[in-house]
Amino acid sequence: MAAVPARSGRHAAGRRSPAPAPSEPLDLDLDLGEDVTPDKVEEIADQMLTHLAATEPRPAFIDYDELPGGKWGAIAGGMVALIVMIMIGSVFLNLLFNR
């Protein structure tokens, strides 16, 4: 596995470096000399999925570095959306209660 270069500069302070994935080999119990039953296939699939879940990195739900404006652009956009929703809600409540 190639080493990830260290980040530098003023934008690197808030970024987390990805955790290295474990490099242990996949240890499967493959006895293919006997008849392969569906239960044996399911057991091998479970072992492979467990290994994959342990070694694959999980991406963040929202990657703020990919958004225009970064983290602060997302915060500003969220605040604008919140203000617009409050304004729409107040107009709706005004129409509903002040007839």
PDB file of N, CA and C in Angstrom:
ATOM      1  N   MET A   1       0.851  -1.174   0.000  1.00  0.00           N
ATOM      2  CA  MET A   1       0.000   0.000   0.000  1.00  0.00           C
ATOM      3  C   MET A   1       0.896   1.236   0.000  1.00  0.00           C
ATOM      4  N   ALA A   2       0.621   2.180  -0.873  1.00  0.00           N
ATOM      5  CA  ALA A   2       1.438   3.373  -0.987  1.00  0.00           C
ATOM      6  C   ALA A   2       1.155   4.308   0.178  1.00  0.00           C
ATOM      7  N   ALA A   3       2.172   4.982   0.633  1.00  0.00           N
ATOM      8  CA  ALA A   3       2.023   5.919   1.740  1.00  0.00           C
ATOM      9  C   ALA A   3       1.350   7.189   1.238  1.00  0.00           C
ATOM     10  N   VAL A   4       0.494   7.750   2.055  1.00  0.00           N
ATOM     11  CA  VAL A   4      -0.201   8.984   1.723  1.00  0.00           C
ATOM     12  C   VAL A   4       0.714  10.145   2.091  1.00  0.00           C
ATOM     13  N   PRO A   5       0.956  11.075   1.155  1.00  0.00           N
ATOM     14  CA  PRO A   5       1.835  12.189   1.487  1.00  0.00           C
ATOM     15  C   PRO A   5       1.190  13.083   2.545  1.00  0.00           C
ATOM     16  N   ALA A   6       2.028  13.647   3.397  1.00  0.00           N
ATOM     17  CA  ALA A   6       1.532  14.541   4.448  1.00  0.00           C
ATOM     18  C   ALA A   6       1.028  15.824   3.817  1.00  0.00           C
ATOM     19  N   ARG A   7      -0.077  16.318   4.324  1.00  0.00           N
ATOM     20  CA  ARG A   7      -0.636  17.556   3.811  1.00  0.00           C
ATOM     21  C   ARG A   7       0.029  18.725   4.505  1.00  0.00           C
ATOM     22  N   SER A   8       0.170  19.796   3.768  1.00  0.00           N
ATOM     23  CA  SER A   8       0.781  20.986   4.337  1.00  0.00           C
ATOM     24  C   SER A   8       0.048  22.200   3.817  1.00  0.00           C
ATOM     25  N   GLY A   9       0.322  23.331   4.423  1.00  0.00           N
ATOM     26  CA  GLY A   9      -0.309  24.564   3.993  1.00  0.00           C
ATOM     27  C   GLY A   9      -1.422  24.964   4.930  1.00  0.00           C
ATOM     28  N   ARG A  10      -2.016  26.095   4.649  1.00  0.00           N
ATOM     29  CA  ARG A  10      -3.015  26.623   5.571  1.00  0.00           C
ATOM     30  C   ARG A  10      -4.335  25.865   5.516  1.00  0.00           C
ATOM     31  N   HIS A  11      -4.620  25.175   4.422  1.00  0.00           N
ATOM     32  CA  HIS A  11      -5.874  24.439   4.319  1.00  0.00           C
ATOM     33  C   HIS A  11      -5.786  23.037   4.903  1.00  0.00           C
ATOM     34  N   ALA A  12      -4.615  22.602   5.286  1.00  0.00           N
ATOM     35  CA  ALA A  12      -4.441  21.243   5.790  1.00  0.00           C
ATOM     36  C   ALA A  12      -4.732  21.126   7.270  1.00  0.00           C
ATOM     37  N   ALA A  13      -4.918  22.228   7.974  1.00  0.00           N
ATOM     38  CA  ALA A  13      -5.071  22.177   9.430  1.00  0.00           C
ATOM     39  C   ALA A  13      -6.340  21.450   9.847  1.00  0.00           C
ATOM     40  N   GLY A  14      -7.446  21.637   9.142  1.00  0.00           N
ATOM     41  CA  GLY A  14      -8.699  21.035   9.551  1.00  0.00           C
ATOM     42  C   GLY A  14      -8.951  19.664   8.975  1.00  0.00           C
ATOM     43  N   ARG A  15      -8.112  19.204   8.083  1.00  0.00           N
ATOM     44  CA  ARG A  15      -8.353  17.924   7.421  1.00  0.00           C
ATOM     45  C   ARG A  15      -7.789  16.776   8.238  1.00  0.00           C
ATOM     46  N   ARG A  16      -8.539  15.696   8.235  1.00  0.00           N
ATOM     47  CA  ARG A  16      -8.067  14.491   8.905  1.00  0.00           C
ATOM     48  C   ARG A  16      -7.430  13.582   7.876  1.00  0.00           C
ATOM     49  N   SER A  17      -6.317  12.967   8.237  1.00  0.00           N
ATOM     50  CA  SER A  17      -5.702  12.022   7.318  1.00  0.00           C
ATOM     51  C   SER A  17      -6.450  10.702   7.401  1.00  0.00           C
ATOM     52  N   PRO A  18      -6.601   9.998   6.286  1.00  0.00           N
ATOM     53  CA  PRO A  18      -7.345   8.742   6.321  1.00  0.00           C
ATOM     54  C   PRO A  18      -6.604   7.690   7.137  1.00  0.00           C
ATOM     55  N   ALA A  19      -7.383   6.900   7.866  1.00  0.00           N
ATOM     56  CA  ALA A  19      -6.784   5.834   8.670  1.00  0.00           C
ATOM     57  C   ALA A  19      -6.302   4.732   7.743  1.00  0.00           C
ATOM     58  N   PRO A  20      -5.120   4.203   7.994  1.00  0.00           N
ATOM     59  CA  PRO A  20      -4.633   3.132   7.122  1.00  0.00           C
ATOM     60  C   PRO A  20      -5.449   1.859   7.312  1.00  0.00           C
ATOM     61  N   ALA A  21      -5.730   1.210   6.213  1.00  0.00           N
ATOM     62  CA  ALA A  21      -6.500  -0.029   6.267  1.00  0.00           C
ATOM     63  C   ALA A  21      -5.602  -1.169   6.741  1.00  0.00           C
ATOM     64  N   PRO A  22      -6.140  -2.101   7.505  1.00  0.00           N
ATOM     65  CA  PRO A  22      -5.323  -3.238   7.927  1.00  0.00           C
ATOM     66  C   PRO A  22      -4.853  -4.025   6.710  1.00  0.00           C
ATOM     67  N   SER A  23      -3.605  -4.473   6.754  1.00  0.00           N
ATOM     68  CA  SER A  23      -3.041  -5.151   5.599  1.00  0.00           C
ATOM     69  C   SER A  23      -2.929  -6.656   5.812  1.00  0.00           C
ATOM     70  N   GLU A  24      -3.715  -7.182   6.709  1.00  0.00           N
ATOM     71  CA  GLU A  24      -3.651  -8.622   6.932  1.00  0.00           C
ATOM     72  C   GLU A  24      -4.387  -9.354   5.809  1.00  0.00           C
ATOM     73  N   PRO A  25      -3.872 -10.498   5.388  1.00  0.00           N
ATOM     74  CA  PRO A  25      -4.505 -11.224   4.280  1.00  0.00           C
ATOM     75  C   PRO A  25      -5.827 -11.849   4.722  1.00  0.00           C
ATOM     76  N   LEU A  26      -6.662 -12.084   3.749  1.00  0.00           N
ATOM     77  CA  LEU A  26      -7.957 -12.702   3.995  1.00  0.00           C
ATOM     78  C   LEU A  26      -7.758 -14.188   4.240  1.00  0.00           C
ATOM     79  N   ASP A  27      -8.189 -14.673   5.404  1.00  0.00           N
ATOM     80  CA  ASP A  27      -8.020 -16.074   5.775  1.00  0.00           C
ATOM     81  C   ASP A  27      -9.372 -16.767   5.653  1.00  0.00           C
ATOM     82  N   LEU A  28      -9.563 -17.484   4.546  1.00  0.00           N
ATOM     83  CA  LEU A  28     -10.823 -18.189   4.313  1.00  0.00           C
ATOM     84  C   LEU A  28     -10.627 -19.680   4.532  1.00  0.00           C
ATOM     85  N   ASP A  29     -11.667 -20.311   5.023  1.00  0.00           N
ATOM     86  CA  ASP A  29     -11.668 -21.769   5.160  1.00  0.00           C
ATOM     87  C   ASP A  29     -12.276 -22.365   3.900  1.00  0.00           C
ATOM     88  N   LEU A  30     -11.437 -22.624   2.909  1.00  0.00           N
ATOM     89  CA  LEU A  30     -11.919 -23.159   1.645  1.00  0.00           C
ATOM     90  C   LEU A  30     -11.559 -24.639   1.552  1.00  0.00           C
ATOM     91  N   ASP A  31     -12.543 -25.485   1.744  1.00  0.00           N
ATOM     92  CA  ASP A  31     -12.385 -26.924   1.539  1.00  0.00           C
ATOM     93  C   ASP A  31     -13.238 -27.286   0.333  1.00  0.00           C
ATOM     94  N   LEU A  32     -12.687 -27.096  -0.847  1.00  0.00           N
ATOM     95  CA  LEU A  32     -13.463 -27.312  -2.060  1.00  0.00           C
ATOM     96  C   LEU A  32     -13.384 -28.746  -2.555  1.00  0.00           C
ATOM     97  N   GLY A  33     -12.720 -29.634  -1.807  1.00  0.00           N
ATOM     98  CA  GLY A  33     -12.646 -31.035  -2.196  1.00  0.00           C
ATOM     99  C   GLY A  33     -13.984 -31.746  -2.008  1.00  0.00           C
ATOM    100  N   GLU A  34     -14.779 -31.268  -1.109  1.00  0.00           N
ATOM    101  CA  GLU A  34     -16.090 -31.874  -0.856  1.00  0.00           C
ATOM    102  C   GLU A  34     -17.160 -31.136  -1.648  1.00  0.00           C
ATOM    103  N   ASP A  35     -18.358 -31.633  -1.584  1.00  0.00           N
ATOM    104  CA  ASP A  35     -19.466 -30.971  -2.270  1.00  0.00           C
ATOM    105  C   ASP A  35     -19.721 -29.616  -1.630  1.00  0.00           C
ATOM    106  N   VAL A  36     -19.918 -28.622  -2.482  1.00  0.00           N
ATOM    107  CA  VAL A  36     -20.168 -27.271  -1.992  1.00  0.00           C
ATOM    108  C   VAL A  36     -21.674 -27.114  -1.815  1.00  0.00           C
ATOM    109  N   THR A  37     -22.067 -26.854  -0.585  1.00  0.00           N
ATOM    110  CA  THR A  37     -23.485 -26.677  -0.272  1.00  0.00           C
ATOM    111  C   THR A  37     -23.805 -25.185  -0.203  1.00  0.00           C
ATOM    112  N   PRO A  38     -25.065 -24.835  -0.318  1.00  0.00           N
ATOM    113  CA  PRO A  38     -25.423 -23.416  -0.191  1.00  0.00           C
ATOM    114  C   PRO A  38     -25.030 -22.836   1.171  1.00  0.00           C
ATOM    115  N   ASP A  39     -25.057 -23.663   2.216  1.00  0.00           N
ATOM    116  CA  ASP A  39     -24.643 -23.166   3.530  1.00  0.00           C
ATOM    117  C   ASP A  39     -23.162 -22.812   3.544  1.00  0.00           C
ATOM    118  N   LYS A  40     -22.347 -23.630   2.867  1.00  0.00           N
ATOM    119  CA  LYS A  40     -20.906 -23.369   2.797  1.00  0.00           C
ATOM    120  C   LYS A  40     -20.631 -22.093   1.995  1.00  0.00           C
ATOM    121  N   VAL A  41     -21.366 -21.899   0.912  1.00  0.00           N
ATOM    122  CA  VAL A  41     -21.209 -20.686   0.103  1.00  0.00           C
ATOM    123  C   VAL A  41     -21.598 -19.457   0.928  1.00  0.00           C
ATOM    124  N   GLU A  42     -22.684 -19.569   1.690  1.00  0.00           N
ATOM    125  CA  GLU A  42     -23.118 -18.446   2.520  1.00  0.00           C
ATOM    126  C   GLU A  42     -22.097 -18.142   3.620  1.00  0.00           C
ATOM    127  N   GLU A  43     -21.479 -19.169   4.177  1.00  0.00           N
ATOM    128  CA  GLU A  43     -20.464 -18.979   5.210  1.00  0.00           C
ATOM    129  C   GLU A  43     -19.229 -18.270   4.646  1.00  0.00           C
ATOM    130  N   ILE A  44     -18.802 -18.689   3.447  1.00  0.00           N
ATOM    131  CA  ILE A  44     -17.653 -18.041   2.809  1.00  0.00           C
ATOM    132  C   ILE A  44     -17.989 -16.598   2.448  1.00  0.00           C
ATOM    133  N   ALA A  45     -19.205 -16.351   1.966  1.00  0.00           N
ATOM    134  CA  ALA A  45     -19.624 -14.989   1.631  1.00  0.00           C
ATOM    135  C   ALA A  45     -19.650 -14.118   2.877  1.00  0.00           C
ATOM    136  N   ASP A  46     -20.114 -14.644   4.000  1.00  0.00           N
ATOM    137  CA  ASP A  46     -20.117 -13.879   5.249  1.00  0.00           C
ATOM    138  C   ASP A  46     -18.703 -13.531   5.689  1.00  0.00           C
ATOM    139  N   GLN A  47     -17.769 -14.478   5.538  1.00  0.00           N
ATOM    140  CA  GLN A  47     -16.378 -14.211   5.898  1.00  0.00           C
ATOM    141  C   GLN A  47     -15.794 -13.110   5.009  1.00  0.00           C
ATOM    142  N   MET A  48     -16.087 -13.165   3.723  1.00  0.00           N
ATOM    143  CA  MET A  48     -15.557 -12.167   2.803  1.00  0.00           C
ATOM    144  C   MET A  48     -16.169 -10.792   3.071  1.00  0.00           C
ATOM    145  N   LEU A  49     -17.470 -10.747   3.352  1.00  0.00           N
ATOM    146  CA  LEU A  49     -18.117  -9.470   3.640  1.00  0.00           C
ATOM    147  C   LEU A  49     -17.625  -8.874   4.949  1.00  0.00           C
ATOM    148  N   THR A  50     -17.363  -9.721   5.936  1.00  0.00           N
ATOM    149  CA  THR A  50     -16.820  -9.235   7.203  1.00  0.00           C
ATOM    150  C   THR A  50     -15.437  -8.640   6.999  1.00  0.00           C
ATOM    151  N   HIS A  51     -14.614  -9.319   6.198  1.00  0.00           N
ATOM    152  CA  HIS A  51     -13.275  -8.797   5.914  1.00  0.00           C
ATOM    153  C   HIS A  51     -13.352  -7.489   5.132  1.00  0.00           C
ATOM    154  N   LEU A  52     -14.261  -7.419   4.169  1.00  0.00           N
ATOM    155  CA  LEU A  52     -14.417  -6.208   3.376  1.00  0.00           C
ATOM    156  C   LEU A  52     -14.886  -5.046   4.248  1.00  0.00           C
ATOM    157  N   ALA A  53     -15.816  -5.303   5.166  1.00  0.00           N
ATOM    158  CA  ALA A  53     -16.313  -4.244   6.047  1.00  0.00           C
ATOM    159  C   ALA A  53     -15.216  -3.729   6.972  1.00  0.00           C
ATOM    160  N   ALA A  54     -14.286  -4.603   7.338  1.00  0.00           N
ATOM    161  CA  ALA A  54     -13.211  -4.191   8.241  1.00  0.00           C
ATOM    162  C   ALA A  54     -12.100  -3.439   7.513  1.00  0.00           C
ATOM    163  N   THR A  55     -11.917  -3.680   6.224  1.00  0.00           N
ATOM    164  CA  THR A  55     -10.779  -3.087   5.523  1.00  0.00           C
ATOM    165  C   THR A  55     -11.141  -1.899   4.641  1.00  0.00           C
ATOM    166  N   GLU A  56     -12.374  -1.763   4.213  1.00  0.00           N
ATOM    167  CA  GLU A  56     -12.752  -0.665   3.336  1.00  0.00           C
ATOM    168  C   GLU A  56     -12.945   0.617   4.130  1.00  0.00           C
ATOM    169  N   PRO A  57     -12.371   1.718   3.671  1.00  0.00           N
ATOM    170  CA  PRO A  57     -12.620   2.997   4.354  1.00  0.00           C
ATOM    171  C   PRO A  57     -14.040   3.477   4.062  1.00  0.00           C
ATOM    172  N   ARG A  58     -14.638   4.069   5.049  1.00  0.00           N
ATOM    173  CA  ARG A  58     -15.994   4.589   4.878  1.00  0.00           C
ATOM    174  C   ARG A  58     -15.926   6.089   4.613  1.00  0.00           C
ATOM    175  N   PRO A  59     -16.499   6.518   3.498  1.00  0.00           N
ATOM    176  CA  PRO A  59     -16.460   7.951   3.209  1.00  0.00           C
ATOM    177  C   PRO A  59     -17.408   8.710   4.133  1.00  0.00           C
ATOM    178  N   ALA A  60     -17.107   9.963   4.339  1.00  0.00           N
ATOM    179  CA  ALA A  60     -17.969  10.817   5.146  1.00  0.00           C
ATOM    180  C   ALA A  60     -19.294  11.024   4.421  1.00  0.00           C
ATOM    181  N   PHE A  61     -20.341  11.297   5.195  1.00  0.00           N
ATOM    182  CA  PHE A  61     -21.656  11.518   4.603  1.00  0.00           C
ATOM    183  C   PHE A  61     -21.625  12.724   3.672  1.00  0.00           C
ATOM    184  N   ILE A  62     -21.025  13.811   4.130  1.00  0.00           N
ATOM    185  CA  ILE A  62     -20.856  15.002   3.302  1.00  0.00           C
ATOM    186  C   ILE A  62     -19.381  15.377   3.348  1.00  0.00           C
ATOM    187  N   ASP A  63     -18.764  15.467   2.186  1.00  0.00           N
ATOM    188  CA  ASP A  63     -17.380  15.903   2.116  1.00  0.00           C
ATOM    189  C   ASP A  63     -17.381  17.403   1.841  1.00  0.00           C
ATOM    190  N   TYR A  64     -17.105  18.171   2.881  1.00  0.00           N
ATOM    191  CA  TYR A  64     -17.180  19.627   2.764  1.00  0.00           C
ATOM    192  C   TYR A  64     -16.124  20.189   1.831  1.00  0.00           C
ATOM    193  N   ASP A  65     -15.047  19.454   1.609  1.00  0.00           N
ATOM    194  CA  ASP A  65     -14.020  19.940   0.694  1.00  0.00           C
ATOM    195  C   ASP A  65     -14.487  19.915  -0.754  1.00  0.00           C
ATOM    196  N   GLU A  66     -15.465  19.084  -1.062  1.00  0.00           N
ATOM    197  CA  GLU A  66     -15.968  18.985  -2.436  1.00  0.00           C
ATOM    198  C   GLU A  66     -17.022  20.051  -2.744  1.00  0.00           C
ATOM    199  N   LEU A  67     -17.610  20.660  -1.722  1.00  0.00           N
ATOM    200  CA  LEU A  67     -18.642  21.668  -1.932  1.00  0.00           C
ATOM    201  C   LEU A  67     -18.011  22.999  -2.330  1.00  0.00           C
ATOM    202  N   PRO A  68     -18.715  23.783  -3.137  1.00  0.00           N
ATOM    203  CA  PRO A  68     -18.181  25.115  -3.448  1.00  0.00           C
ATOM    204  C   PRO A  68     -18.200  25.972  -2.189  1.00  0.00           C
ATOM    205  N   GLY A  69     -17.079  26.552  -1.851  1.00  0.00           N
ATOM    206  CA  GLY A  69     -16.987  27.371  -0.650  1.00  0.00           C
ATOM    207  C   GLY A  69     -16.502  26.586   0.552  1.00  0.00           C
ATOM    208  N   GLY A  70     -16.393  25.271   0.428  1.00  0.00           N
ATOM    209  CA  GLY A  70     -15.897  24.453   1.531  1.00  0.00           C
ATOM    210  C   GLY A  70     -16.862  24.426   2.705  1.00  0.00           C
ATOM    211  N   LYS A  71     -16.292  24.301   3.891  1.00  0.00           N
ATOM    212  CA  LYS A  71     -17.101  24.190   5.110  1.00  0.00           C
ATOM    213  C   LYS A  71     -17.894  25.469   5.359  1.00  0.00           C
ATOM    214  N   TRP A  72     -17.256  26.616   5.178  1.00  0.00           N
ATOM    215  CA  TRP A  72     -17.938  27.872   5.468  1.00  0.00           C
ATOM    216  C   TRP A  72     -19.011  28.197   4.430  1.00  0.00           C
ATOM    217  N   GLY A  73     -18.813  27.780   3.212  1.00  0.00           N
ATOM    218  CA  GLY A  73     -19.860  27.943   2.200  1.00  0.00           C
ATOM    219  C   GLY A  73     -21.083  27.102   2.524  1.00  0.00           C
ATOM    220  N   ALA A  74     -20.852  25.879   3.034  1.00  0.00           N
ATOM    221  CA  ALA A  74     -21.973  25.022   3.427  1.00  0.00           C
ATOM    222  C   ALA A  74     -22.718  25.613   4.616  1.00  0.00           C
ATOM    223  N   ILE A  75     -21.990  26.188   5.568  1.00  0.00           N
ATOM    224  CA  ILE A  75     -22.631  26.811   6.726  1.00  0.00           C
ATOM    225  C   ILE A  75     -23.460  28.012   6.284  1.00  0.00           C
ATOM    226  N   ALA A  76     -22.899  28.846   5.396  1.00  0.00           N
ATOM    227  CA  ALA A  76     -23.637  30.016   4.911  1.00  0.00           C
ATOM    228  C   ALA A  76     -24.875  29.588   4.123  1.00  0.00           C
ATOM    229  N   GLY A  77     -24.741  28.572   3.286  1.00  0.00           N
ATOM    230  CA  GLY A  77     -25.893  28.085   2.528  1.00  0.00           C
ATOM    231  C   GLY A  77     -26.966  27.514   3.433  1.00  0.00           C
ATOM    232  N   GLY A  78     -26.554  26.815   4.474  1.00  0.00           N
ATOM    233  CA  GLY A  78     -27.521  26.276   5.439  1.00  0.00           C
ATOM    234  C   GLY A  78     -28.250  27.375   6.181  1.00  0.00           C
ATOM    235  N   MET A  79     -27.534  28.426   6.527  1.00  0.00           N
ATOM    236  CA  MET A  79     -28.180  29.543   7.227  1.00  0.00           C
ATOM    237  C   MET A  79     -29.177  30.264   6.311  1.00  0.00           C
ATOM    238  N   VAL A  80     -28.807  30.453   5.050  1.00  0.00           N
ATOM    239  CA  VAL A  80     -29.739  31.084   4.104  1.00  0.00           C
ATOM    240  C   VAL A  80     -30.982  30.216   3.940  1.00  0.00           C
ATOM    241  N   ALA A  81     -30.793  28.897   3.823  1.00  0.00           N
ATOM    242  CA  ALA A  81     -31.937  27.997   3.686  1.00  0.00           C
ATOM    243  C   ALA A  81     -32.814  28.029   4.936  1.00  0.00           C
ATOM    244  N   LEU A  82     -32.210  28.099   6.117  1.00  0.00           N
ATOM    245  CA  LEU A  82     -32.977  28.175   7.360  1.00  0.00           C
ATOM    246  C   LEU A  82     -33.790  29.461   7.435  1.00  0.00           C
ATOM    247  N   ILE A  83     -33.189  30.579   7.055  1.00  0.00           N
ATOM    248  CA  ILE A  83     -33.902  31.861   7.083  1.00  0.00           C
ATOM    249  C   ILE A  83     -35.065  31.847   6.101  1.00  0.00           C
ATOM    250  N   VAL A  84     -34.859  31.305   4.911  1.00  0.00           N
ATOM    251  CA  VAL A  84     -35.944  31.231   3.922  1.00  0.00           C
ATOM    252  C   VAL A  84     -37.080  30.343   4.436  1.00  0.00           C
ATOM    253  N   MET A  85     -36.748  29.224   5.059  1.00  0.00           N
ATOM    254  CA  MET A  85     -37.793  28.337   5.594  1.00  0.00           C
ATOM    255  C   MET A  85     -38.563  29.012   6.733  1.00  0.00           C
ATOM    256  N   ILE A  86     -37.887  29.767   7.578  1.00  0.00           N
ATOM    257  CA  ILE A  86     -38.573  30.494   8.651  1.00  0.00           C
ATOM    258  C   ILE A  86     -39.489  31.557   8.073  1.00  0.00           C
ATOM    259  N   MET A  87     -39.034  32.247   7.028  1.00  0.00           N
ATOM    260  CA  MET A  87     -39.879  33.263   6.399  1.00  0.00           C
ATOM    261  C   MET A  87     -41.117  32.636   5.760  1.00  0.00           C
ATOM    262  N   ILE A  88     -40.952  31.520   5.066  1.00  0.00           N
ATOM    263  CA  ILE A  88     -42.099  30.846   4.444  1.00  0.00           C
ATOM    264  C   ILE A  88     -43.054  30.345   5.520  1.00  0.00           C
ATOM    265  N   GLY A  89     -42.518  29.794   6.587  1.00  0.00           N
ATOM    266  CA  GLY A  89     -43.361  29.317   7.685  1.00  0.00           C
ATOM    267  C   GLY A  89     -44.123  30.442   8.349  1.00  0.00           C
ATOM    268  N   SER A  90     -43.483  31.602   8.540  1.00  0.00           N
ATOM    269  CA  SER A  90     -44.176  32.726   9.171  1.00  0.00           C
ATOM    270  C   SER A  90     -45.278  33.273   8.272  1.00  0.00           C
ATOM    271  N   VAL A  91     -45.053  33.305   6.959  1.00  0.00           N
ATOM    272  CA  VAL A  91     -46.108  33.745   6.038  1.00  0.00           C
ATOM    273  C   VAL A  91     -47.277  32.781   6.079  1.00  0.00           C
ATOM    274  N   PHE A  92     -46.988  31.480   6.087  1.00  0.00           N
ATOM    275  CA  PHE A  92     -48.053  30.480   6.152  1.00  0.00           C
ATOM    276  C   PHE A  92     -48.849  30.593   7.457  1.00  0.00           C
ATOM    277  N   LEU A  93     -48.154  30.739   8.573  1.00  0.00           N
ATOM    278  CA  LEU A  93     -48.857  30.881   9.864  1.00  0.00           C
ATOM    279  C   LEU A  93     -49.644  32.188   9.916  1.00  0.00           C
ATOM    280  N   ASN A  94     -49.139  33.259   9.330  1.00  0.00           N
ATOM    281  CA  ASN A  94     -49.853  34.519   9.287  1.00  0.00           C
ATOM    282  C   ASN A  94     -51.142  34.379   8.473  1.00  0.00           C
ATOM    283  N   LEU A  95     -51.078  33.715   7.345  1.00  0.00           N
ATOM    284  CA  LEU A  95     -52.276  33.519   6.528  1.00  0.00           C
ATOM    285  C   LEU A  95     -53.286  32.609   7.242  1.00  0.00           C
ATOM    286  N   LEU A  96     -52.795  31.660   8.003  1.00  0.00           N
ATOM    287  CA  LEU A  96     -53.660  30.686   8.673  1.00  0.00           C
ATOM    288  C   LEU A  96     -54.373  31.304   9.864  1.00  0.00           C
ATOM    289  N   PHE A  97     -53.696  32.113  10.664  1.00  0.00           N
ATOM    290  CA  PHE A  97     -54.266  32.618  11.912  1.00  0.00           C
ATOM    291  C   PHE A  97     -54.819  34.030  11.847  1.00  0.00           C
ATOM    292  N   ASN A  98     -54.479  34.831  10.864  1.00  0.00           N
ATOM    293  CA  ASN A  98     -54.938  36.216  10.780  1.00  0.00           C
ATOM    294  C   ASN A  98     -55.905  36.402   9.629  1.00  0.00           C
ATOM    295  N   ARG A  99     -57.001  35.733   9.683  1.00  0.00           N
ATOM    296  CA  ARG A  99     -58.023  35.898   8.631  1.00  0.00           C
ATOM    297  C   ARG A  99     -59.052  36.883   9.031  1.00  0.00           C
TER     298      ARG A  99
END
